[in-house]
N, C-alpha and C. Protein backbone atom coordinates (compact mmCIF):
# COMPACT_ATOMS: atom_id res chain seq x y z
N MET A 1 82.60 115.49 11.91
CA MET A 1 83.34 116.16 12.95
C MET A 1 84.87 116.04 12.71
N GLN A 2 85.58 117.03 13.09
CA GLN A 2 87.01 117.02 12.86
C GLN A 2 87.78 116.42 14.03
N LYS A 3 89.00 115.88 13.74
CA LYS A 3 89.88 115.33 14.77
C LYS A 3 90.89 116.33 15.09
N TYR A 4 91.37 116.29 16.30
CA TYR A 4 92.44 117.19 16.80
C TYR A 4 93.50 116.41 17.34
N VAL A 5 94.74 116.85 17.17
CA VAL A 5 95.96 116.19 17.72
C VAL A 5 96.63 116.96 18.80
N CYS A 6 97.07 116.38 19.86
CA CYS A 6 97.91 116.98 20.88
C CYS A 6 99.22 117.20 20.36
N THR A 7 99.66 118.44 20.40
CA THR A 7 100.98 118.90 19.91
C THR A 7 102.07 118.39 20.85
N ALA A 8 101.72 118.00 22.08
CA ALA A 8 102.82 117.57 22.99
C ALA A 8 103.07 116.06 22.96
N CYS A 9 102.12 115.28 22.71
CA CYS A 9 102.33 113.80 22.71
C CYS A 9 101.81 113.06 21.48
N GLY A 10 101.03 113.70 20.64
CA GLY A 10 100.46 113.06 19.46
C GLY A 10 99.16 112.34 19.65
N TYR A 11 98.54 112.41 20.83
CA TYR A 11 97.26 111.80 21.00
C TYR A 11 96.21 112.47 20.05
N ILE A 12 95.39 111.71 19.42
CA ILE A 12 94.36 112.24 18.55
C ILE A 12 93.01 112.17 19.17
N TYR A 13 92.33 113.32 19.32
CA TYR A 13 91.00 113.24 19.86
C TYR A 13 90.04 113.04 18.66
N ASP A 14 89.31 111.98 18.71
CA ASP A 14 88.34 111.57 17.67
C ASP A 14 86.96 111.76 18.24
N PRO A 15 86.24 112.71 17.74
CA PRO A 15 84.84 113.03 18.32
C PRO A 15 83.88 111.81 18.22
N GLN A 16 84.13 110.90 17.34
CA GLN A 16 83.30 109.66 17.30
C GLN A 16 83.56 108.74 18.45
N VAL A 17 84.76 108.82 19.02
CA VAL A 17 85.09 107.96 20.16
C VAL A 17 84.93 108.71 21.39
N GLY A 18 85.22 110.05 21.38
CA GLY A 18 85.13 110.80 22.66
C GLY A 18 86.34 110.44 23.58
N ASP A 19 86.07 110.73 24.85
CA ASP A 19 86.98 110.33 25.93
C ASP A 19 86.19 109.92 27.11
N PRO A 20 85.65 108.73 26.97
CA PRO A 20 84.69 108.22 28.14
C PRO A 20 85.37 108.28 29.39
N ASP A 21 86.67 107.97 29.55
CA ASP A 21 87.35 107.92 30.88
C ASP A 21 87.44 109.29 31.43
N GLY A 22 87.41 110.34 30.46
CA GLY A 22 87.53 111.74 30.96
C GLY A 22 86.10 112.40 30.99
N GLY A 23 85.09 111.56 30.82
CA GLY A 23 83.70 112.16 30.93
C GLY A 23 83.20 112.75 29.70
N ILE A 24 83.84 112.52 28.53
CA ILE A 24 83.49 113.10 27.24
C ILE A 24 82.74 112.00 26.44
N GLU A 25 81.50 112.11 26.22
CA GLU A 25 80.69 111.04 25.48
C GLU A 25 81.06 111.00 24.03
N PRO A 26 81.01 109.88 23.45
CA PRO A 26 81.18 109.77 21.94
C PRO A 26 80.22 110.67 21.29
N GLY A 27 80.65 111.24 20.13
CA GLY A 27 79.83 112.20 19.35
C GLY A 27 80.01 113.55 19.88
N THR A 28 80.92 113.88 20.76
CA THR A 28 81.16 115.21 21.29
C THR A 28 82.24 115.94 20.43
N ALA A 29 81.87 117.05 19.75
CA ALA A 29 82.78 117.82 19.01
C ALA A 29 83.82 118.39 19.90
N PHE A 30 85.11 118.58 19.43
CA PHE A 30 86.17 119.12 20.26
C PHE A 30 85.78 120.45 20.77
N GLU A 31 85.10 121.25 19.95
CA GLU A 31 84.68 122.61 20.42
C GLU A 31 83.76 122.57 21.62
N ALA A 32 83.07 121.44 21.79
CA ALA A 32 82.05 121.37 22.81
C ALA A 32 82.65 120.87 24.14
N ILE A 33 83.87 120.34 24.12
CA ILE A 33 84.53 119.85 25.30
C ILE A 33 84.77 120.95 26.28
N PRO A 34 84.53 120.80 27.54
CA PRO A 34 84.85 121.82 28.56
C PRO A 34 86.27 122.34 28.52
N ASP A 35 86.52 123.64 28.75
CA ASP A 35 87.87 124.21 28.66
C ASP A 35 88.76 123.63 29.73
N ASP A 36 88.34 122.92 30.79
CA ASP A 36 89.19 122.37 31.78
C ASP A 36 89.60 120.96 31.45
N TRP A 37 89.17 120.38 30.35
CA TRP A 37 89.47 119.05 29.97
C TRP A 37 91.00 118.97 29.60
N VAL A 38 91.66 117.89 29.85
CA VAL A 38 93.06 117.78 29.54
C VAL A 38 93.30 116.51 28.76
N CYS A 39 94.38 116.43 28.03
CA CYS A 39 94.81 115.27 27.24
C CYS A 39 94.86 114.09 28.17
N PRO A 40 94.17 112.99 27.77
CA PRO A 40 94.21 111.78 28.62
C PRO A 40 95.53 111.06 28.67
N VAL A 41 96.42 111.41 27.77
CA VAL A 41 97.81 110.77 27.73
C VAL A 41 98.78 111.57 28.51
N CYS A 42 98.89 112.93 28.20
CA CYS A 42 100.03 113.61 28.86
C CYS A 42 99.53 114.85 29.74
N GLY A 43 98.28 115.10 29.76
CA GLY A 43 97.77 116.01 30.68
C GLY A 43 97.75 117.48 30.36
N VAL A 44 98.15 117.80 29.09
CA VAL A 44 98.13 119.24 28.71
C VAL A 44 96.68 119.73 28.42
N GLY A 45 96.55 121.02 28.36
CA GLY A 45 95.13 121.61 28.14
C GLY A 45 94.73 121.57 26.73
N LYS A 46 93.48 121.89 26.48
CA LYS A 46 92.89 121.99 25.16
C LYS A 46 93.64 122.90 24.26
N ASP A 47 94.33 123.91 24.72
CA ASP A 47 95.04 124.87 23.94
C ASP A 47 96.23 124.33 23.24
N MET A 48 96.60 123.11 23.61
CA MET A 48 97.77 122.42 23.08
C MET A 48 97.38 121.46 21.91
N PHE A 49 96.12 121.56 21.46
CA PHE A 49 95.53 120.65 20.45
C PHE A 49 95.43 121.52 19.09
N GLU A 50 95.69 120.83 18.05
CA GLU A 50 95.52 121.47 16.65
C GLU A 50 94.68 120.61 15.82
N LEU A 51 93.92 121.19 14.86
CA LEU A 51 93.14 120.44 13.92
C LEU A 51 94.07 119.59 13.02
N THR A 52 93.64 118.37 12.84
CA THR A 52 94.43 117.47 11.96
C THR A 52 93.54 116.94 10.82
N ASP A 53 94.19 116.41 9.80
CA ASP A 53 93.47 115.93 8.64
C ASP A 53 92.96 114.53 8.88
């Protein structure tokens, strides 16, 4: 699974970790996260994330 970075603050969403505090279980692909999920650091939407290496 691929990681995505928040272009606003630099937070990296790692699917192996998920976002347990945000209700996203470990192992959840970024594409499978609900559209209303927001960055746990700065609060921007999914549309502000880009694929990272």
